[in-house]
Amino acid sequence: MKIDTEGKITIPPEIQNLLEFRRGTEVELEVIGNTLQIRKLQNSNLGKEIITAIRGKATNRLTTNEIMQLTREEL
């Protein structure tokens, strides 16, 4: 892995998935000796991250009331 001309690195997708890093996840960097440690901030709000990721992605044209009715129907 190389640092690009802007000083950035890319975290491989499999590591992002393993650590549940999503777009906008806040991380903290710490230098320990000659090691750089990257860790997700504890106050990170996964719920907000998920909503941000799925906002505008719905493909159904149901109204909120119609969706609520569907969730209340008995199976």
N, C-alpha and C. Protein backbone atom coordinates (compact mmCIF):
# COMPACT_ATOMS: atom_id res chain seq x y z
N MET A 1 0.86 -1.17 0.00
CA MET A 1 0.00 0.00 0.00
C MET A 1 0.90 1.22 0.00
N LYS A 2 0.53 2.22 -0.79
CA LYS A 2 1.32 3.45 -0.87
C LYS A 2 0.45 4.64 -0.48
N ILE A 3 1.11 5.65 0.03
CA ILE A 3 0.46 6.93 0.31
C ILE A 3 0.43 7.71 -1.00
N ASP A 4 -0.74 8.26 -1.38
CA ASP A 4 -0.82 8.99 -2.64
C ASP A 4 -0.23 10.39 -2.51
N THR A 5 -0.29 11.14 -3.59
CA THR A 5 0.33 12.47 -3.62
C THR A 5 -0.34 13.46 -2.68
N GLU A 6 -1.58 13.16 -2.24
CA GLU A 6 -2.28 14.03 -1.30
C GLU A 6 -2.12 13.54 0.14
N GLY A 7 -1.30 12.51 0.34
CA GLY A 7 -1.08 11.99 1.69
C GLY A 7 -2.16 11.04 2.17
N LYS A 8 -2.93 10.49 1.24
CA LYS A 8 -4.05 9.61 1.59
C LYS A 8 -3.70 8.15 1.34
N ILE A 9 -4.34 7.27 2.12
CA ILE A 9 -4.28 5.83 1.87
C ILE A 9 -5.71 5.32 1.73
N THR A 10 -5.86 4.19 1.08
CA THR A 10 -7.18 3.58 0.93
C THR A 10 -7.23 2.35 1.81
N ILE A 11 -8.24 2.30 2.69
CA ILE A 11 -8.45 1.12 3.52
C ILE A 11 -9.19 0.10 2.66
N PRO A 12 -8.62 -1.09 2.49
CA PRO A 12 -9.26 -2.10 1.64
C PRO A 12 -10.69 -2.40 2.11
N PRO A 13 -11.61 -2.66 1.16
CA PRO A 13 -13.01 -2.91 1.49
C PRO A 13 -13.22 -4.00 2.53
N GLU A 14 -12.43 -5.09 2.47
CA GLU A 14 -12.63 -6.17 3.44
C GLU A 14 -12.33 -5.71 4.86
N ILE A 15 -11.36 -4.81 5.02
CA ILE A 15 -11.06 -4.26 6.35
C ILE A 15 -12.16 -3.27 6.76
N GLN A 16 -12.63 -2.45 5.81
CA GLN A 16 -13.73 -1.52 6.12
C GLN A 16 -14.95 -2.30 6.60
N ASN A 17 -15.28 -3.39 5.93
CA ASN A 17 -16.44 -4.20 6.32
C ASN A 17 -16.23 -4.83 7.69
N LEU A 18 -15.04 -5.38 7.91
CA LEU A 18 -14.74 -6.03 9.17
C LEU A 18 -14.87 -5.06 10.35
N LEU A 19 -14.40 -3.83 10.16
CA LEU A 19 -14.42 -2.82 11.22
C LEU A 19 -15.67 -1.95 11.19
N GLU A 20 -16.58 -2.25 10.25
CA GLU A 20 -17.82 -1.49 10.07
C GLU A 20 -17.56 -0.01 9.84
N PHE A 21 -16.55 0.29 9.01
CA PHE A 21 -16.29 1.66 8.60
C PHE A 21 -17.22 1.97 7.44
N ARG A 22 -18.02 3.00 7.58
CA ARG A 22 -18.92 3.46 6.53
C ARG A 22 -18.47 4.85 6.08
N ARG A 23 -18.99 5.30 4.97
CA ARG A 23 -18.68 6.65 4.51
C ARG A 23 -19.04 7.64 5.62
N GLY A 24 -18.11 8.50 5.96
CA GLY A 24 -18.35 9.50 7.00
C GLY A 24 -18.01 9.04 8.40
N THR A 25 -17.58 7.77 8.56
CA THR A 25 -17.20 7.29 9.89
C THR A 25 -16.02 8.11 10.39
N GLU A 26 -16.13 8.59 11.62
CA GLU A 26 -15.04 9.37 12.20
C GLU A 26 -14.04 8.42 12.84
N VAL A 27 -12.77 8.66 12.55
CA VAL A 27 -11.71 7.84 13.11
C VAL A 27 -10.72 8.71 13.85
N GLU A 28 -9.94 8.05 14.68
CA GLU A 28 -8.91 8.72 15.46
C GLU A 28 -7.57 8.09 15.09
N LEU A 29 -6.55 8.90 14.92
CA LEU A 29 -5.22 8.41 14.59
C LEU A 29 -4.33 8.60 15.81
N GLU A 30 -3.50 7.59 16.09
CA GLU A 30 -2.56 7.69 17.20
C GLU A 30 -1.24 7.05 16.76
N VAL A 31 -0.16 7.75 17.04
CA VAL A 31 1.17 7.22 16.73
C VAL A 31 1.71 6.57 18.00
N ILE A 32 2.07 5.30 17.88
CA ILE A 32 2.64 4.54 18.99
C ILE A 32 3.97 4.00 18.48
N GLY A 33 5.07 4.61 18.92
CA GLY A 33 6.38 4.24 18.39
C GLY A 33 6.43 4.55 16.91
N ASN A 34 6.66 3.51 16.09
CA ASN A 34 6.65 3.73 14.64
C ASN A 34 5.40 3.13 13.99
N THR A 35 4.34 3.00 14.78
CA THR A 35 3.08 2.42 14.31
C THR A 35 1.98 3.47 14.32
N LEU A 36 1.18 3.50 13.25
CA LEU A 36 0.01 4.37 13.20
C LEU A 36 -1.21 3.51 13.49
N GLN A 37 -1.94 3.86 14.52
CA GLN A 37 -3.15 3.13 14.89
C GLN A 37 -4.36 3.96 14.48
N ILE A 38 -5.30 3.33 13.78
CA ILE A 38 -6.53 3.98 13.34
C ILE A 38 -7.68 3.30 14.08
N ARG A 39 -8.50 4.10 14.76
CA ARG A 39 -9.62 3.49 15.47
C ARG A 39 -10.86 4.35 15.31
N LYS A 40 -12.00 3.67 15.21
CA LYS A 40 -13.28 4.34 15.09
C LYS A 40 -13.57 5.04 16.41
N LEU A 41 -14.04 6.29 16.32
CA LEU A 41 -14.39 7.01 17.53
C LEU A 41 -15.55 6.33 18.23
N GLN A 42 -15.49 6.25 19.53
CA GLN A 42 -16.52 5.58 20.31
C GLN A 42 -17.87 6.29 20.23
N ASN A 43 -17.85 7.60 20.07
CA ASN A 43 -19.11 8.34 20.02
C ASN A 43 -19.69 8.37 18.61
N SER A 44 -19.11 7.60 17.71
CA SER A 44 -19.63 7.52 16.34
C SER A 44 -21.05 6.98 16.38
N ASN A 45 -21.94 7.56 15.61
CA ASN A 45 -23.35 7.16 15.62
C ASN A 45 -23.66 6.32 14.40
N LEU A 46 -23.62 5.01 14.56
CA LEU A 46 -23.85 4.10 13.45
C LEU A 46 -25.23 4.29 12.84
N GLY A 47 -26.23 4.57 13.67
CA GLY A 47 -27.58 4.79 13.16
C GLY A 47 -27.63 5.92 12.16
N LYS A 48 -27.01 7.04 12.49
CA LYS A 48 -26.98 8.18 11.57
C LYS A 48 -26.22 7.83 10.29
N GLU A 49 -25.15 7.06 10.43
CA GLU A 49 -24.37 6.65 9.26
C GLU A 49 -25.22 5.79 8.32
N ILE A 50 -25.99 4.89 8.89
CA ILE A 50 -26.84 4.00 8.07
C ILE A 50 -27.91 4.81 7.36
N ILE A 51 -28.57 5.71 8.10
CA ILE A 51 -29.61 6.54 7.49
C ILE A 51 -29.03 7.38 6.36
N THR A 52 -27.85 7.96 6.59
CA THR A 52 -27.20 8.76 5.56
C THR A 52 -26.91 7.90 4.33
N ALA A 53 -26.45 6.68 4.56
CA ALA A 53 -26.10 5.79 3.45
C ALA A 53 -27.31 5.39 2.62
N ILE A 54 -28.48 5.21 3.24
CA ILE A 54 -29.65 4.73 2.50
C ILE A 54 -30.61 5.85 2.08
N ARG A 55 -30.40 7.07 2.59
CA ARG A 55 -31.30 8.17 2.26
C ARG A 55 -31.37 8.36 0.74
N GLY A 56 -32.57 8.42 0.22
CA GLY A 56 -32.79 8.64 -1.20
C GLY A 56 -32.65 7.40 -2.06
N LYS A 57 -32.48 6.24 -1.45
CA LYS A 57 -32.27 5.01 -2.22
C LYS A 57 -33.55 4.20 -2.41
N ALA A 58 -34.64 4.60 -1.80
CA ALA A 58 -35.88 3.83 -1.89
C ALA A 58 -36.36 3.78 -3.34
N THR A 59 -36.88 2.63 -3.73
CA THR A 59 -37.38 2.47 -5.10
C THR A 59 -38.89 2.37 -5.13
N ASN A 60 -39.53 2.31 -3.96
CA ASN A 60 -40.98 2.18 -3.88
C ASN A 60 -41.59 3.57 -3.70
N ARG A 61 -42.72 3.81 -4.31
CA ARG A 61 -43.37 5.11 -4.23
C ARG A 61 -44.50 5.14 -3.21
N LEU A 62 -44.43 4.30 -2.18
CA LEU A 62 -45.46 4.29 -1.15
C LEU A 62 -45.35 5.53 -0.28
N THR A 63 -46.46 5.97 0.23
CA THR A 63 -46.45 7.08 1.18
C THR A 63 -46.06 6.54 2.56
N THR A 64 -45.71 7.44 3.45
CA THR A 64 -45.36 7.03 4.81
C THR A 64 -46.53 6.30 5.45
N ASN A 65 -47.75 6.79 5.27
CA ASN A 65 -48.93 6.14 5.84
C ASN A 65 -49.11 4.73 5.29
N GLU A 66 -48.88 4.54 4.00
CA GLU A 66 -49.00 3.21 3.40
C GLU A 66 -47.95 2.25 3.97
N ILE A 67 -46.74 2.74 4.14
CA ILE A 67 -45.68 1.91 4.71
C ILE A 67 -46.02 1.54 6.15
N MET A 68 -46.50 2.51 6.92
CA MET A 68 -46.87 2.24 8.31
C MET A 68 -47.99 1.20 8.38
N GLN A 69 -48.95 1.30 7.47
CA GLN A 69 -50.05 0.33 7.43
C GLN A 69 -49.51 -1.07 7.14
N LEU A 70 -48.59 -1.19 6.19
CA LEU A 70 -48.01 -2.48 5.86
C LEU A 70 -47.27 -3.09 7.06
N THR A 71 -46.62 -2.27 7.85
CA THR A 71 -45.87 -2.78 9.00
C THR A 71 -46.79 -3.21 10.13
N ARG A 72 -48.04 -2.75 10.09
CA ARG A 72 -49.00 -3.08 11.15
C ARG A 72 -49.90 -4.25 10.79
N GLU A 73 -49.88 -4.66 9.53
CA GLU A 73 -50.73 -5.77 9.12
C GLU A 73 -50.24 -7.07 9.71
N GLU A 74 -51.18 -7.92 10.10
CA GLU A 74 -50.82 -9.23 10.64
C GLU A 74 -50.53 -10.17 9.49
N LEU A 75 -49.57 -11.06 9.75
CA LEU A 75 -49.19 -12.05 8.72
C LEU A 75 -50.11 -13.23 8.73
